[in-house]
């Protein structure tokens, strides 16, 4: 009887540890976001500069004026070379954290997994690189939606390459916002832990 109940106990224990690690990982991720997103500034500046054919010139990290929420309100300002129609320069504002929270979720799942500690941190490092790409897709599509899709012709006309593929941009933005952030950590964790999942549920799930 105890053997029959063992998979259930293991699953409960795993979920309890995941919940505990989630609190720790999300706090750590918020606190470290400023440092973690530094490579994202360089990557987004290069990619957006290429997609805009040089119209986007700079990406800066910016914070809300509310001092107590400097980390949570972190934004990227996407600067352009478009002549301003008024006193303010033409730029887009994106929020990288809404695309990167899956890294904290993946870290919590991984740290709750029963495996070698070195392997856990190696997989978290790989996930960090993956989520740089996820965040890059998110902030790139968000910025281009603001500058091309929702802007008047006086601004959107400076992005001829992107303007030709507005439908692709719209779909990409939806995928980057709604699908990639929550699904990516689960897919990564499953791919890294097929053997552990089999142990957890007490049955074979892979074809090997």
C-alpha atoms as a PDB file:
ATOM      1  CA  UNK A   1       0.000   0.000   0.000  1.00  0.00           C
ATOM      2  CA  UNK A   2       2.832   2.371   0.860  1.00  0.00           C
ATOM      3  CA  UNK A   3       4.523   1.681  -2.492  1.00  0.00           C
ATOM      4  CA  UNK A   4       1.288   2.496  -4.311  1.00  0.00           C
ATOM      5  CA  UNK A   5       1.053   5.839  -2.529  1.00  0.00           C
ATOM      6  CA  UNK A   6       4.702   6.749  -3.046  1.00  0.00           C
ATOM      7  CA  UNK A   7       4.268   8.542  -6.427  1.00  0.00           C
ATOM      8  CA  UNK A   8       1.490  10.679  -4.936  1.00  0.00           C
ATOM      9  CA  UNK A   9       3.644  11.602  -1.951  1.00  0.00           C
ATOM     10  CA  UNK A  10       6.536  12.442  -4.272  1.00  0.00           C
ATOM     11  CA  UNK A  11       4.311  14.709  -6.376  1.00  0.00           C
ATOM     12  CA  UNK A  12       2.984  16.532  -3.298  1.00  0.00           C
ATOM     13  CA  UNK A  13       6.516  16.989  -2.008  1.00  0.00           C
ATOM     14  CA  UNK A  14       7.680  18.293  -5.379  1.00  0.00           C
ATOM     15  CA  UNK A  15       4.832  20.835  -5.581  1.00  0.00           C
ATOM     16  CA  UNK A  16       5.482  21.997  -2.005  1.00  0.00           C
ATOM     17  CA  UNK A  17       9.199  22.504  -2.715  1.00  0.00           C
ATOM     18  CA  UNK A  18       8.398  24.248  -6.001  1.00  0.00           C
ATOM     19  CA  UNK A  19       6.111  26.670  -4.181  1.00  0.00           C
ATOM     20  CA  UNK A  20       8.801  27.428  -1.606  1.00  0.00           C
ATOM     21  CA  UNK A  21      11.475  27.936  -4.275  1.00  0.00           C
ATOM     22  CA  UNK A  22       9.082  30.070  -6.367  1.00  0.00           C
ATOM     23  CA  UNK A  23       8.914  32.705  -3.645  1.00  0.00           C
ATOM     24  CA  UNK A  24      12.707  32.757  -3.283  1.00  0.00           C
ATOM     25  CA  UNK A  25      13.388  32.712  -7.036  1.00  0.00           C
ATOM     26  CA  UNK A  26      10.908  35.452  -7.928  1.00  0.00           C
ATOM     27  CA  UNK A  27      12.305  37.753  -5.241  1.00  0.00           C
ATOM     28  CA  UNK A  28      15.876  37.052  -6.403  1.00  0.00           C
ATOM     29  CA  UNK A  29      14.863  37.592 -10.030  1.00  0.00           C
ATOM     30  CA  UNK A  30      13.295  40.991  -9.234  1.00  0.00           C
ATOM     31  CA  UNK A  31      16.317  42.104  -7.238  1.00  0.00           C
ATOM     32  CA  UNK A  32      18.808  40.968  -9.900  1.00  0.00           C
ATOM     33  CA  UNK A  33      16.767  42.107 -12.927  1.00  0.00           C
ATOM     34  CA  UNK A  34      18.883  45.192 -13.535  1.00  0.00           C
ATOM     35  CA  UNK A  35      22.050  43.108 -13.903  1.00  0.00           C
ATOM     36  CA  UNK A  36      20.410  40.177 -15.681  1.00  0.00           C
ATOM     37  CA  UNK A  37      19.019  42.475 -18.377  1.00  0.00           C
ATOM     38  CA  UNK A  38      22.287  44.234 -19.255  1.00  0.00           C
ATOM     39  CA  UNK A  39      23.066  41.813 -22.144  1.00  0.00           C
ATOM     40  CA  UNK A  40      19.489  42.326 -23.321  1.00  0.00           C
ATOM     41  CA  UNK A  41      20.189  46.031 -23.891  1.00  0.00           C
ATOM     42  CA  UNK A  42      23.031  45.232 -26.272  1.00  0.00           C
ATOM     43  CA  UNK A  43      21.111  42.480 -28.073  1.00  0.00           C
ATOM     44  CA  UNK A  44      17.938  44.532 -28.521  1.00  0.00           C
ATOM     45  CA  UNK A  45      19.874  47.549 -29.766  1.00  0.00           C
ATOM     46  CA  UNK A  46      21.551  45.414 -32.433  1.00  0.00           C
ATOM     47  CA  UNK A  47      18.410  43.520 -33.502  1.00  0.00           C
ATOM     48  CA  UNK A  48      16.115  46.561 -33.527  1.00  0.00           C
ATOM     49  CA  UNK A  49      18.728  48.589 -35.357  1.00  0.00           C
ATOM     50  CA  UNK A  50      18.831  45.903 -38.038  1.00  0.00           C
ATOM     51  CA  UNK A  51      15.031  45.515 -38.337  1.00  0.00           C
ATOM     52  CA  UNK A  52      14.522  49.283 -38.484  1.00  0.00           C
ATOM     53  CA  UNK A  53      17.358  49.727 -40.990  1.00  0.00           C
ATOM     54  CA  UNK A  54      19.105  52.169 -38.672  1.00  0.00           C
ATOM     55  CA  UNK A  55      16.061  54.186 -37.589  1.00  0.00           C
ATOM     56  CA  UNK A  56      16.340  52.834 -34.026  1.00  0.00           C
ATOM     57  CA  UNK A  57      19.624  54.159 -32.689  1.00  0.00           C
ATOM     58  CA  UNK A  58      19.797  53.377 -28.987  1.00  0.00           C
ATOM     59  CA  UNK A  59      18.249  51.322 -26.168  1.00  0.00           C
ATOM     60  CA  UNK A  60      18.415  52.670 -22.634  1.00  0.00           C
ATOM     61  CA  UNK A  61      17.378  51.204 -19.306  1.00  0.00           C
ATOM     62  CA  UNK A  62      14.945  53.511 -17.553  1.00  0.00           C
ATOM     63  CA  UNK A  63      13.110  53.451 -14.233  1.00  0.00           C
ATOM     64  CA  UNK A  64       9.908  54.966 -12.970  1.00  0.00           C
ATOM     65  CA  UNK A  65      10.198  58.122 -10.930  1.00  0.00           C
ATOM     66  CA  UNK A  66       8.766  56.221  -7.954  1.00  0.00           C
ATOM     67  CA  UNK A  67      11.896  55.329  -6.034  1.00  0.00           C
ATOM     68  CA  UNK A  68      10.350  52.401  -4.173  1.00  0.00           C
ATOM     69  CA  UNK A  69       9.523  50.584  -7.407  1.00  0.00           C
ATOM     70  CA  UNK A  70      12.726  51.051  -9.362  1.00  0.00           C
ATOM     71  CA  UNK A  71      13.141  47.351 -10.159  1.00  0.00           C
ATOM     72  CA  UNK A  72       9.497  46.511 -10.847  1.00  0.00           C
ATOM     73  CA  UNK A  73       8.988  49.552 -13.088  1.00  0.00           C
ATOM     74  CA  UNK A  74      12.115  48.902 -15.132  1.00  0.00           C
ATOM     75  CA  UNK A  75      11.648  49.934 -18.752  1.00  0.00           C
ATOM     76  CA  UNK A  76      13.686  49.998 -21.919  1.00  0.00           C
ATOM     77  CA  UNK A  77      13.475  53.227 -23.893  1.00  0.00           C
ATOM     78  CA  UNK A  78      13.895  52.520 -27.607  1.00  0.00           C
ATOM     79  CA  UNK A  79      15.282  55.724 -29.100  1.00  0.00           C
ATOM     80  CA  UNK A  80      14.959  56.646 -32.801  1.00  0.00           C
ATOM     81  CA  UNK A  81      16.475  59.105 -35.246  1.00  0.00           C
ATOM     82  CA  UNK A  82      13.017  60.257 -36.417  1.00  0.00           C
ATOM     83  CA  UNK A  83      12.693  64.073 -36.320  1.00  0.00           C
ATOM     84  CA  UNK A  84      10.338  64.835 -33.413  1.00  0.00           C
ATOM     85  CA  UNK A  85       6.988  66.391 -34.360  1.00  0.00           C
ATOM     86  CA  UNK A  86       7.051  68.372 -31.115  1.00  0.00           C
ATOM     87  CA  UNK A  87       9.292  68.912 -28.119  1.00  0.00           C
ATOM     88  CA  UNK A  88       9.580  65.224 -27.186  1.00  0.00           C
ATOM     89  CA  UNK A  89      11.797  62.764 -29.114  1.00  0.00           C
ATOM     90  CA  UNK A  90      10.178  59.792 -30.834  1.00  0.00           C
ATOM     91  CA  UNK A  91      10.761  56.610 -28.820  1.00  0.00           C
ATOM     92  CA  UNK A  92       9.051  53.439 -27.617  1.00  0.00           C
ATOM     93  CA  UNK A  93       8.888  52.174 -24.033  1.00  0.00           C
ATOM     94  CA  UNK A  94       8.967  48.433 -23.350  1.00  0.00           C
ATOM     95  CA  UNK A  95       8.912  46.374 -20.152  1.00  0.00           C
ATOM     96  CA  UNK A  96      11.326  43.420 -20.319  1.00  0.00           C
ATOM     97  CA  UNK A  97      10.185  41.859 -17.027  1.00  0.00           C
ATOM     98  CA  UNK A  98       6.782  40.850 -18.417  1.00  0.00           C
ATOM     99  CA  UNK A  99       8.585  38.568 -20.867  1.00  0.00           C
ATOM    100  CA  UNK A 100      11.237  37.180 -18.511  1.00  0.00           C
ATOM    101  CA  UNK A 101       9.374  35.933 -15.439  1.00  0.00           C
ATOM    102  CA  UNK A 102       9.544  32.372 -16.778  1.00  0.00           C
ATOM    103  CA  UNK A 103      13.208  32.252 -15.773  1.00  0.00           C
ATOM    104  CA  UNK A 104      12.198  32.458 -12.107  1.00  0.00           C
ATOM    105  CA  UNK A 105       9.562  29.768 -12.632  1.00  0.00           C
ATOM    106  CA  UNK A 106      12.068  27.479 -14.357  1.00  0.00           C
ATOM    107  CA  UNK A 107      14.611  28.042 -11.582  1.00  0.00           C
ATOM    108  CA  UNK A 108      12.006  27.113  -8.954  1.00  0.00           C
ATOM    109  CA  UNK A 109      11.045  23.929 -10.806  1.00  0.00           C
ATOM    110  CA  UNK A 110      14.685  22.981 -11.275  1.00  0.00           C
ATOM    111  CA  UNK A 111      15.752  23.619  -7.693  1.00  0.00           C
ATOM    112  CA  UNK A 112      12.822  21.484  -6.495  1.00  0.00           C
ATOM    113  CA  UNK A 113      13.918  18.623  -8.761  1.00  0.00           C
ATOM    114  CA  UNK A 114      15.847  15.758  -7.224  1.00  0.00           C
ATOM    115  CA  UNK A 115      19.100  15.769  -9.213  1.00  0.00           C
ATOM    116  CA  UNK A 116      22.775  16.754  -9.027  1.00  0.00           C
ATOM    117  CA  UNK A 117      23.237  20.354  -7.839  1.00  0.00           C
ATOM    118  CA  UNK A 118      25.802  21.152 -10.525  1.00  0.00           C
ATOM    119  CA  UNK A 119      23.408  19.984 -13.227  1.00  0.00           C
ATOM    120  CA  UNK A 120      20.642  22.173 -11.760  1.00  0.00           C
ATOM    121  CA  UNK A 121      22.698  25.348 -12.011  1.00  0.00           C
ATOM    122  CA  UNK A 122      23.963  24.436 -15.472  1.00  0.00           C
ATOM    123  CA  UNK A 123      20.372  24.080 -16.681  1.00  0.00           C
ATOM    124  CA  UNK A 124      19.397  27.385 -15.045  1.00  0.00           C
ATOM    125  CA  UNK A 125      22.293  29.010 -16.917  1.00  0.00           C
ATOM    126  CA  UNK A 126      21.011  27.575 -20.196  1.00  0.00           C
ATOM    127  CA  UNK A 127      17.504  28.789 -19.367  1.00  0.00           C
ATOM    128  CA  UNK A 128      18.871  32.291 -18.752  1.00  0.00           C
ATOM    129  CA  UNK A 129      20.257  32.345 -22.297  1.00  0.00           C
ATOM    130  CA  UNK A 130      16.957  31.046 -23.674  1.00  0.00           C
ATOM    131  CA  UNK A 131      15.024  33.746 -21.830  1.00  0.00           C
ATOM    132  CA  UNK A 132      17.293  36.436 -23.183  1.00  0.00           C
ATOM    133  CA  UNK A 133      15.944  35.389 -26.589  1.00  0.00           C
ATOM    134  CA  UNK A 134      12.343  35.258 -25.288  1.00  0.00           C
ATOM    135  CA  UNK A 135      12.674  38.759 -23.824  1.00  0.00           C
ATOM    136  CA  UNK A 136      14.392  39.992 -26.978  1.00  0.00           C
ATOM    137  CA  UNK A 137      11.457  38.822 -29.101  1.00  0.00           C
ATOM    138  CA  UNK A 138       9.019  40.382 -26.638  1.00  0.00           C
ATOM    139  CA  UNK A 139      10.542  43.842 -26.378  1.00  0.00           C
ATOM    140  CA  UNK A 140      11.327  43.954 -30.115  1.00  0.00           C
ATOM    141  CA  UNK A 141       7.741  43.207 -31.123  1.00  0.00           C
ATOM    142  CA  UNK A 142       6.353  45.526 -28.425  1.00  0.00           C
ATOM    143  CA  UNK A 143       8.564  48.396 -29.579  1.00  0.00           C
ATOM    144  CA  UNK A 144       7.745  47.869 -33.248  1.00  0.00           C
ATOM    145  CA  UNK A 145       4.027  47.652 -32.486  1.00  0.00           C
ATOM    146  CA  UNK A 146       4.235  51.075 -30.848  1.00  0.00           C
ATOM    147  CA  UNK A 147       6.399  52.657 -33.546  1.00  0.00           C
ATOM    148  CA  UNK A 148       4.791  51.086 -36.616  1.00  0.00           C
ATOM    149  CA  UNK A 149       1.396  49.520 -35.914  1.00  0.00           C
ATOM    150  CA  UNK A 150      -0.054  52.186 -33.605  1.00  0.00           C
ATOM    151  CA  UNK A 151       1.804  55.242 -34.918  1.00  0.00           C
ATOM    152  CA  UNK A 152       0.706  57.766 -37.576  1.00  0.00           C
ATOM    153  CA  UNK A 153       2.217  57.533 -41.081  1.00  0.00           C
ATOM    154  CA  UNK A 154       4.667  60.340 -40.275  1.00  0.00           C
ATOM    155  CA  UNK A 155       6.403  57.918 -37.900  1.00  0.00           C
ATOM    156  CA  UNK A 156       5.590  54.450 -39.308  1.00  0.00           C
ATOM    157  CA  UNK A 157       6.862  55.461 -42.766  1.00  0.00           C
ATOM    158  CA  UNK A 158      10.384  55.386 -41.324  1.00  0.00           C
ATOM    159  CA  UNK A 159      10.083  51.589 -40.962  1.00  0.00           C
ATOM    160  CA  UNK A 160       9.484  50.352 -44.536  1.00  0.00           C
ATOM    161  CA  UNK A 161      10.742  46.806 -43.910  1.00  0.00           C
ATOM    162  CA  UNK A 162       8.504  46.216 -40.900  1.00  0.00           C
ATOM    163  CA  UNK A 163       5.530  47.952 -42.514  1.00  0.00           C
ATOM    164  CA  UNK A 164       5.454  45.309 -45.243  1.00  0.00           C
ATOM    165  CA  UNK A 165       4.804  42.568 -42.677  1.00  0.00           C
ATOM    166  CA  UNK A 166       2.296  44.075 -40.244  1.00  0.00           C
ATOM    167  CA  UNK A 167       0.336  40.809 -39.952  1.00  0.00           C
ATOM    168  CA  UNK A 168       3.514  38.929 -39.061  1.00  0.00           C
ATOM    169  CA  UNK A 169       4.351  41.615 -36.510  1.00  0.00           C
ATOM    170  CA  UNK A 170       0.891  41.382 -34.922  1.00  0.00           C
ATOM    171  CA  UNK A 171       0.997  37.589 -34.617  1.00  0.00           C
ATOM    172  CA  UNK A 172       4.573  37.666 -33.324  1.00  0.00           C
ATOM    173  CA  UNK A 173       3.597  40.182 -30.651  1.00  0.00           C
ATOM    174  CA  UNK A 174       0.726  37.985 -29.453  1.00  0.00           C
ATOM    175  CA  UNK A 175       2.950  34.897 -29.316  1.00  0.00           C
ATOM    176  CA  UNK A 176       5.722  36.790 -27.532  1.00  0.00           C
ATOM    177  CA  UNK A 177       3.317  38.208 -24.956  1.00  0.00           C
ATOM    178  CA  UNK A 178       0.827  35.411 -24.301  1.00  0.00           C
ATOM    179  CA  UNK A 179       2.574  32.164 -25.217  1.00  0.00           C
ATOM    180  CA  UNK A 180       6.347  32.243 -24.836  1.00  0.00           C
ATOM    181  CA  UNK A 181       6.733  33.549 -21.236  1.00  0.00           C
ATOM    182  CA  UNK A 182       4.554  30.899 -19.496  1.00  0.00           C
ATOM    183  CA  UNK A 183       5.128  27.946 -21.845  1.00  0.00           C
ATOM    184  CA  UNK A 184       8.906  28.134 -22.333  1.00  0.00           C
ATOM    185  CA  UNK A 185       9.890  27.307 -18.714  1.00  0.00           C
ATOM    186  CA  UNK A 186       7.572  24.285 -18.645  1.00  0.00           C
ATOM    187  CA  UNK A 187       8.856  22.945 -21.968  1.00  0.00           C
ATOM    188  CA  UNK A 188      12.478  23.431 -20.908  1.00  0.00           C
ATOM    189  CA  UNK A 189      11.923  21.737 -17.566  1.00  0.00           C
ATOM    190  CA  UNK A 190      10.207  18.742 -19.192  1.00  0.00           C
ATOM    191  CA  UNK A 191      12.995  18.361 -21.768  1.00  0.00           C
ATOM    192  CA  UNK A 192      15.660  18.435 -19.053  1.00  0.00           C
ATOM    193  CA  UNK A 193      13.833  16.124 -16.638  1.00  0.00           C
ATOM    194  CA  UNK A 194      12.088  13.276 -18.469  1.00  0.00           C
ATOM    195  CA  UNK A 195      13.752  10.684 -16.225  1.00  0.00           C
ATOM    196  CA  UNK A 196      12.762  12.570 -13.070  1.00  0.00           C
ATOM    197  CA  UNK A 197       9.154  12.940 -14.257  1.00  0.00           C
ATOM    198  CA  UNK A 198       9.007   9.179 -14.818  1.00  0.00           C
ATOM    199  CA  UNK A 199      10.293   8.662 -11.291  1.00  0.00           C
ATOM    200  CA  UNK A 200       7.790  11.201  -9.981  1.00  0.00           C
ATOM    201  CA  UNK A 201       4.711   9.621 -11.566  1.00  0.00           C
ATOM    202  CA  UNK A 202       5.949   6.046 -11.201  1.00  0.00           C
ATOM    203  CA  UNK A 203       5.619   5.071 -14.843  1.00  0.00           C
ATOM    204  CA  UNK A 204       7.548   5.148 -18.109  1.00  0.00           C
ATOM    205  CA  UNK A 205       6.612   8.050 -20.390  1.00  0.00           C
ATOM    206  CA  UNK A 206       9.508   8.115 -22.893  1.00  0.00           C
ATOM    207  CA  UNK A 207       9.896   5.751 -25.853  1.00  0.00           C
ATOM    208  CA  UNK A 208      13.539   4.984 -25.076  1.00  0.00           C
END
